[in-house]
Amino acid sequence: MKQIKLLLVAIFAATMYPAAYGQQQSVRNIPADKKEIIDRFIAGTLDPSYTPALFFGHFGNGKKLGEGALKAHLSLFLKGGADILKVQTEQPMPRVQDLTMETPLVPEDYYRPTLELIKDILSYVGSDVYVMPTILSTHQVARQGFGDGRLPIYAVERPEAYKRMLDSYTKAILWFIRECKAAGVEAFFTATQGGEKKFYELKVPKGFFETYIKPYDLQVMGEANKDTKLTILHICDWEGPMDDLTRYIDYPGKIVNAPLTIDGKPLSLKDTYKLFGRPVLGGFNRKAEIGKASPEKIADMTRQIIAEGPTGHLMIGADCSVPSPLDITANIHAAVSTAHGR
């Protein structure tokens, strides 16, 4: 572990303080500390010639926990140049065969291995960069543990057992958030799923979203937002299209990362900003050019996204996880460096 740190010190310094390492920059009022960059962005006082950026993705087998995950996260951050280091929550959830619920589905400290990863990353960059753990929603964790096929059946046929399952997972998520704070985390990436159109077809009294999604989301996100400096609200449409974002208006989060299409129609970044009244993260379709086009094309697209986005309230990124992020660092770097005005 110490060897990794020694090898990365010089690279990290060059990333954080480019002027000291011979990179030409115009004279601008841009902080060297990436935390201060984000703080000014949220406050609306960041130099408009600099647009912050954040890309993230899943790293695959061997890079979910431990040293493999540490190397993957630091590599993407250092080579891509993003302004926040988002940490993926990749710890696999054990499969549940039945909802007897005689014992908790997972121990309260289930996410301890992921917490140790967070601590390691903080030891490298935590003083200058917001290290941002991903907080999966209770619904997302339940999908991992119980499976998409059985969740709808239990939601309709065994509602009390279903709620007890969600309560068990929520307890572990809340423990993880609190322990991250105790370790020095100041920011969280809070994700929600379950608002996709297909869930509105379920015959759940008072609605699936209103019963099994929103109350748990608000409990988890409320804890993530308590006594922290920054949260990003990620509205995930990975499981299918959505038809309405107004149900998320009262969700907390200082920055909003939303789908690019709602009810089959494009949703611009300006429209998302107007809807939520908060800065937005996005611009790139995770399934399109960001993983396929040349770096030169990505740079051109970045300039266009900035020109068409809400001035001073845009963070360049994608609508969700980009494919194989370590394989497309050249494209990510092209987008980030262009956004930074380099």
Protein backbone atom coordinates (compact mmCIF):
# COMPACT_ATOMS: atom_id res chain seq x y z
CA MET A 1 0.00 0.00 0.00
CA LYS A 2 2.79 2.44 0.88
CA GLN A 3 4.48 1.77 -2.47
CA ILE A 4 1.30 2.76 -4.31
CA LYS A 5 1.19 6.02 -2.41
CA LEU A 6 4.80 6.92 -3.19
CA LEU A 7 4.29 6.27 -6.89
CA LEU A 8 1.19 8.45 -7.01
CA VAL A 9 2.40 11.48 -5.06
CA ALA A 10 4.10 13.19 -8.01
CA ILE A 11 1.25 12.40 -10.41
CA PHE A 12 -1.31 13.72 -7.97
CA ALA A 13 0.66 16.91 -7.40
CA ALA A 14 0.90 17.53 -11.13
CA THR A 15 -2.85 16.99 -11.43
CA MET A 16 -3.70 19.33 -8.57
CA TYR A 17 -1.10 22.02 -9.28
CA PRO A 18 -0.44 22.00 -13.04
CA ALA A 19 1.15 25.44 -13.19
CA ALA A 20 3.97 24.29 -10.94
CA TYR A 21 4.77 21.46 -13.36
CA GLY A 22 5.14 23.56 -16.49
CA GLN A 23 1.60 23.34 -17.91
CA GLN A 24 0.57 26.59 -19.57
CA GLN A 25 -2.61 28.20 -18.28
CA SER A 26 -4.12 31.60 -18.84
CA VAL A 27 -4.26 33.84 -15.79
CA ARG A 28 -7.54 32.90 -14.17
CA ASN A 29 -8.96 32.93 -10.67
CA ILE A 30 -9.11 29.14 -10.37
CA PRO A 31 -8.28 27.57 -7.00
CA ALA A 32 -5.66 24.81 -6.92
CA ASP A 33 -7.70 23.00 -4.25
CA LYS A 34 -10.43 20.97 -5.95
CA LYS A 35 -12.64 21.21 -2.86
CA GLU A 36 -12.60 24.99 -3.18
CA ILE A 37 -13.42 24.70 -6.88
CA ILE A 38 -16.56 22.74 -6.04
CA ASP A 39 -17.44 25.04 -3.14
CA ARG A 40 -17.27 28.06 -5.45
CA PHE A 41 -19.29 26.22 -8.09
CA ILE A 42 -22.08 25.52 -5.60
CA ALA A 43 -21.95 29.11 -4.38
CA GLY A 44 -22.09 30.43 -7.95
CA THR A 45 -18.76 32.26 -7.66
CA LEU A 46 -16.50 30.00 -9.75
CA ASP A 47 -14.69 31.61 -12.70
CA PRO A 48 -17.04 30.90 -15.65
CA SER A 49 -14.12 29.89 -17.85
CA TYR A 50 -13.83 26.69 -15.77
CA THR A 51 -16.61 24.08 -15.87
CA PRO A 52 -16.25 21.29 -13.27
CA ALA A 53 -16.49 17.68 -14.41
CA LEU A 54 -17.19 14.22 -13.01
CA PHE A 55 -17.28 10.84 -14.78
CA PHE A 56 -17.60 7.45 -13.12
CA GLY A 57 -18.23 3.80 -13.92
CA HIS A 58 -18.01 0.24 -12.66
CA PHE A 59 -14.57 -1.39 -12.66
CA GLY A 60 -15.42 -5.09 -12.76
CA ASN A 61 -14.01 -8.19 -11.10
CA GLY A 62 -10.87 -7.77 -9.03
CA LYS A 63 -11.55 -4.04 -8.61
CA LYS A 64 -14.59 -4.01 -6.36
CA LEU A 65 -12.80 -3.98 -2.99
CA GLY A 66 -9.32 -3.84 -1.52
CA GLU A 67 -6.15 -2.87 -3.34
CA GLY A 68 -7.63 -3.55 -6.78
CA ALA A 69 -10.45 -1.07 -6.13
CA LEU A 70 -8.03 1.47 -4.64
CA LYS A 71 -5.79 1.38 -7.71
CA ALA A 72 -8.76 1.58 -10.10
CA HIS A 73 -10.32 4.61 -8.39
CA LEU A 74 -7.05 6.51 -8.10
CA SER A 75 -6.09 5.67 -11.68
CA LEU A 76 -9.37 6.99 -13.09
CA PHE A 77 -9.18 10.12 -10.98
CA LEU A 78 -5.58 10.91 -11.83
CA LYS A 79 -5.78 10.10 -15.55
CA GLY A 80 -9.25 11.52 -16.12
CA GLY A 81 -8.74 14.68 -14.08
CA ALA A 82 -12.25 14.99 -12.60
CA ASP A 83 -12.96 17.45 -9.81
CA ILE A 84 -14.52 14.89 -7.43
CA LEU A 85 -13.43 11.35 -6.64
CA LYS A 86 -16.62 9.30 -6.61
CA VAL A 87 -16.25 5.87 -5.03
CA GLN A 88 -18.34 3.05 -6.45
CA THR A 89 -20.18 0.83 -3.96
CA GLU A 90 -19.37 -2.53 -5.54
CA GLN A 91 -19.57 -4.85 -2.52
CA PRO A 92 -21.82 -7.73 -3.65
CA MET A 93 -25.01 -8.25 -1.68
CA PRO A 94 -25.68 -11.89 -0.67
CA ARG A 95 -28.64 -13.48 -2.41
CA VAL A 96 -31.75 -14.04 -0.31
CA GLN A 97 -33.87 -17.13 -0.92
CA ASP A 98 -36.90 -16.27 1.18
CA LEU A 99 -38.33 -13.38 3.17
CA THR A 100 -38.85 -15.21 6.45
CA MET A 101 -37.02 -12.33 8.15
CA GLU A 102 -36.34 -14.26 11.34
CA THR A 103 -32.91 -12.63 11.33
CA PRO A 104 -31.61 -9.50 9.56
CA LEU A 105 -30.72 -10.07 5.91
CA VAL A 106 -27.29 -8.53 6.48
CA PRO A 107 -25.46 -7.40 9.62
CA GLU A 108 -25.61 -3.69 10.37
CA ASP A 109 -21.90 -3.29 9.56
CA TYR A 110 -22.14 -5.22 6.29
CA TYR A 111 -20.45 -2.42 4.34
CA ARG A 112 -17.32 -2.41 6.51
CA PRO A 113 -15.06 -3.63 3.62
CA THR A 114 -16.28 -0.72 1.48
CA LEU A 115 -15.73 1.63 4.41
CA GLU A 116 -12.10 0.49 4.56
CA LEU A 117 -11.74 1.35 0.86
CA ILE A 118 -13.15 4.81 1.57
CA LYS A 119 -10.63 5.31 4.36
CA ASP A 120 -7.74 4.29 2.09
CA ILE A 121 -8.82 6.70 -0.64
CA LEU A 122 -9.23 9.50 1.91
CA SER A 123 -5.65 8.94 3.02
CA TYR A 124 -4.46 9.79 -0.51
CA VAL A 125 -6.60 12.70 -1.62
CA GLY A 126 -9.06 13.56 1.13
CA SER A 127 -7.44 16.84 2.14
CA ASP A 128 -7.80 18.45 -1.30
CA VAL A 129 -10.62 16.55 -3.02
CA TYR A 130 -14.16 15.61 -2.12
CA VAL A 131 -14.12 11.82 -1.80
CA MET A 132 -17.72 10.91 -2.56
CA PRO A 133 -19.01 7.44 -1.66
CA THR A 134 -21.93 6.14 -3.70
CA ILE A 135 -25.00 5.57 -1.55
CA LEU A 136 -27.27 3.08 -3.26
CA SER A 137 -30.95 3.38 -2.44
CA THR A 138 -32.69 0.70 -0.40
CA HIS A 139 -34.48 -0.44 -3.55
CA GLN A 140 -31.21 -0.86 -5.43
CA VAL A 141 -29.74 -2.94 -2.61
CA ALA A 142 -32.91 -5.06 -2.46
CA ARG A 143 -32.62 -5.73 -6.18
CA GLN A 144 -29.12 -7.08 -5.62
CA GLY A 145 -30.17 -9.29 -2.75
CA PHE A 146 -33.54 -10.55 -3.89
CA GLY A 147 -33.64 -10.16 -7.65
CA ASP A 148 -35.79 -8.17 -10.05
CA GLY A 149 -38.04 -11.11 -10.84
CA ARG A 150 -39.25 -11.70 -7.30
CA LEU A 151 -39.34 -8.15 -5.97
CA PRO A 152 -42.60 -7.15 -7.70
CA ILE A 153 -44.33 -10.36 -6.59
CA TYR A 154 -43.43 -9.86 -2.93
CA ALA A 155 -44.30 -6.17 -3.07
CA VAL A 156 -47.84 -7.13 -4.06
CA GLU A 157 -48.36 -10.44 -2.27
CA ARG A 158 -46.27 -10.09 0.92
CA PRO A 159 -46.12 -6.36 1.70
CA GLU A 160 -45.22 -6.70 5.40
CA ALA A 161 -42.34 -9.08 4.68
CA TYR A 162 -41.25 -6.77 1.87
CA LYS A 163 -41.12 -3.79 4.21
CA ARG A 164 -39.15 -5.74 6.80
CA MET A 165 -36.62 -6.57 4.09
CA LEU A 166 -36.28 -2.90 3.15
CA ASP A 167 -35.91 -1.94 6.81
CA SER A 168 -33.04 -4.42 7.22
CA TYR A 169 -31.14 -3.08 4.22
CA THR A 170 -31.79 0.52 5.24
CA LYS A 171 -30.20 -0.09 8.63
CA ALA A 172 -26.96 -1.23 6.94
CA ILE A 173 -26.98 1.75 4.54
CA LEU A 174 -27.44 4.22 7.39
CA TRP A 175 -24.58 2.61 9.33
CA PHE A 176 -22.34 3.00 6.27
CA ILE A 177 -23.21 6.69 5.87
CA ARG A 178 -22.55 7.47 9.52
CA GLU A 179 -19.25 5.61 9.58
CA CYS A 180 -18.14 7.39 6.39
CA LYS A 181 -18.80 10.71 8.09
CA ALA A 182 -16.84 9.60 11.15
CA ALA A 183 -13.93 8.74 8.83
CA GLY A 184 -13.92 12.26 7.36
CA VAL A 185 -16.26 12.02 4.35
CA GLU A 186 -17.90 15.35 3.52
CA ALA A 187 -19.82 14.43 0.36
CA PHE A 188 -22.12 11.68 -0.91
CA PHE A 189 -23.49 10.56 -4.28
CA THR A 190 -27.07 9.49 -3.47
CA ALA A 191 -28.83 7.36 -6.06
CA THR A 192 -32.49 6.49 -6.50
CA GLN A 193 -34.20 3.86 -8.61
CA GLY A 194 -37.76 2.59 -8.68
CA GLY A 195 -39.39 5.54 -10.41
CA GLU A 196 -39.27 3.87 -13.83
CA LYS A 197 -42.57 3.48 -15.67
CA LYS A 198 -42.67 -0.31 -15.30
CA PHE A 199 -43.13 -0.03 -11.54
CA TYR A 200 -46.32 1.98 -11.95
CA GLU A 201 -47.94 -1.09 -13.47
CA LEU A 202 -47.72 -2.90 -10.12
CA LYS A 203 -50.99 -3.06 -8.21
CA VAL A 204 -49.68 -1.77 -4.91
CA PRO A 205 -52.10 0.15 -2.67
CA LYS A 206 -51.12 3.84 -2.64
CA GLY A 207 -48.50 3.13 -5.32
CA PHE A 208 -45.19 1.26 -5.48
CA PHE A 209 -43.05 4.41 -5.61
CA GLU A 210 -44.94 6.15 -2.83
CA THR A 211 -44.88 3.06 -0.58
CA TYR A 212 -41.55 1.32 -1.21
CA ILE A 213 -39.26 3.90 -2.82
CA LYS A 214 -39.70 7.48 -1.66
CA PRO A 215 -39.96 6.99 2.15
CA TYR A 216 -36.74 4.95 2.18
CA ASP A 217 -34.99 7.31 -0.24
CA LEU A 218 -35.75 10.30 1.95
CA GLN A 219 -34.60 8.49 5.09
CA VAL A 220 -31.27 7.52 3.51
CA MET A 221 -30.71 10.82 1.72
CA GLY A 222 -31.67 12.78 4.80
CA GLU A 223 -28.85 11.09 6.71
CA ALA A 224 -26.41 11.63 3.83
CA ASN A 225 -27.24 15.34 3.74
CA LYS A 226 -27.00 15.84 7.49
CA ASP A 227 -23.83 17.71 8.52
CA THR A 228 -22.15 17.27 5.13
CA LYS A 229 -21.00 19.83 2.56
CA LEU A 230 -22.12 18.28 -0.72
CA THR A 231 -24.51 15.68 -2.10
CA ILE A 232 -25.34 14.80 -5.68
CA LEU A 233 -28.84 13.47 -6.37
CA HIS A 234 -28.64 10.80 -9.07
CA ILE A 235 -32.00 9.85 -10.62
CA CYS A 236 -31.26 6.53 -12.28
CA ASP A 237 -33.22 5.19 -15.25
CA TRP A 238 -31.02 2.11 -15.69
CA GLU A 239 -34.02 -0.24 -15.35
CA GLY A 240 -36.21 1.52 -17.90
CA PRO A 241 -37.64 4.85 -19.04
CA MET A 242 -39.25 7.40 -16.75
CA ASP A 243 -42.24 9.59 -17.46
CA ASP A 244 -42.07 12.18 -14.67
CA LEU A 245 -39.33 13.89 -12.66
CA THR A 246 -41.58 16.12 -10.57
CA ARG A 247 -41.85 13.35 -7.96
CA TYR A 248 -38.20 14.08 -7.11
CA ILE A 249 -38.49 17.85 -6.67
CA ASP A 250 -38.37 17.62 -2.86
CA TYR A 251 -35.44 15.16 -2.83
CA PRO A 252 -32.28 16.66 -1.28
CA GLY A 253 -29.05 17.16 -3.22
CA LYS A 254 -27.06 20.28 -4.11
CA ILE A 255 -26.39 18.97 -7.65
CA VAL A 256 -28.83 16.95 -9.75
CA ASN A 257 -27.85 14.18 -12.19
CA ALA A 258 -30.95 13.23 -14.19
CA PRO A 259 -31.88 11.18 -17.29
CA LEU A 260 -31.53 12.78 -20.71
CA THR A 261 -34.94 11.52 -21.85
CA ILE A 262 -38.31 11.66 -20.07
CA ASP A 263 -41.45 10.05 -21.47
CA GLY A 264 -39.70 9.52 -24.79
CA LYS A 265 -38.71 13.17 -25.19
CA PRO A 266 -35.26 14.76 -24.76
CA LEU A 267 -34.71 16.66 -21.52
CA SER A 268 -32.14 19.43 -21.84
CA LEU A 269 -29.75 20.39 -19.08
CA LYS A 270 -31.33 23.83 -18.98
CA ASP A 271 -34.75 22.27 -18.46
CA THR A 272 -33.42 20.09 -15.65
CA TYR A 273 -31.87 23.16 -14.04
CA LYS A 274 -35.14 25.07 -14.31
CA LEU A 275 -37.12 22.14 -12.88
CA PHE A 276 -34.93 21.63 -9.82
CA GLY A 277 -33.41 25.08 -9.41
CA ARG A 278 -30.02 23.50 -8.68
CA PRO A 279 -26.79 22.93 -10.61
CA VAL A 280 -26.84 19.91 -12.89
CA LEU A 281 -24.36 17.15 -13.71
CA GLY A 282 -24.47 15.58 -17.17
CA GLY A 283 -24.50 16.26 -20.88
CA PHE A 284 -23.14 12.97 -22.25
CA ASN A 285 -25.24 9.89 -22.96
CA ARG A 286 -23.54 6.99 -21.16
CA LYS A 287 -24.49 4.63 -24.03
CA ALA A 288 -23.29 6.84 -26.89
CA GLU A 289 -20.25 8.87 -27.91
CA ILE A 290 -18.39 9.08 -24.61
CA GLY A 291 -17.23 5.49 -25.02
CA LYS A 292 -17.06 5.38 -28.80
CA ALA A 293 -15.95 8.66 -30.37
CA SER A 294 -12.42 10.06 -30.68
CA PRO A 295 -11.02 12.38 -28.00
CA GLU A 296 -11.18 15.23 -30.53
CA LYS A 297 -14.90 14.59 -31.08
CA ILE A 298 -15.47 14.43 -27.33
CA ALA A 299 -13.75 17.79 -26.90
CA ASP A 300 -16.03 19.32 -29.56
CA MET A 301 -19.10 17.82 -27.91
CA THR A 302 -18.01 19.17 -24.53
CA ARG A 303 -17.81 22.70 -25.89
CA GLN A 304 -21.29 22.31 -27.39
CA ILE A 305 -22.75 20.93 -24.15
CA ILE A 306 -21.33 23.88 -22.22
CA ALA A 307 -22.66 26.37 -24.77
CA GLU A 308 -26.17 24.88 -24.58
CA GLY A 309 -26.21 24.26 -20.83
CA PRO A 310 -27.14 26.50 -17.90
CA THR A 311 -24.28 28.98 -17.65
CA GLY A 312 -22.43 28.70 -14.35
CA HIS A 313 -24.61 25.84 -13.16
CA LEU A 314 -23.27 22.90 -15.16
CA MET A 315 -20.90 20.09 -14.22
CA ILE A 316 -19.83 18.05 -17.25
CA GLY A 317 -20.47 14.31 -16.99
CA ALA A 318 -22.77 11.54 -18.16
CA ASP A 319 -26.31 10.58 -17.21
CA CYS A 320 -25.01 7.50 -15.38
CA SER A 321 -22.04 5.10 -15.22
CA VAL A 322 -19.93 5.14 -18.37
CA PRO A 323 -18.80 1.78 -19.81
CA SER A 324 -15.37 0.42 -18.82
CA PRO A 325 -14.06 3.77 -17.51
CA LEU A 326 -10.43 2.67 -17.32
CA ASP A 327 -10.55 1.82 -21.05
CA ILE A 328 -11.79 5.27 -22.08
CA THR A 329 -9.67 7.55 -19.90
CA ALA A 330 -8.46 9.39 -23.01
CA ASN A 331 -12.05 10.39 -23.80
CA ILE A 332 -12.80 11.26 -20.19
CA HIS A 333 -9.66 13.38 -20.02
CA ALA A 334 -10.60 15.12 -23.28
CA ALA A 335 -13.99 16.07 -21.86
CA VAL A 336 -12.61 17.14 -18.49
CA SER A 337 -9.67 19.18 -19.81
CA THR A 338 -11.91 20.91 -22.34
CA ALA A 339 -14.42 21.74 -19.61
CA HIS A 340 -11.58 23.14 -17.54
CA GLY A 341 -10.70 25.49 -20.37
CA ARG A 342 -7.37 23.89 -21.25
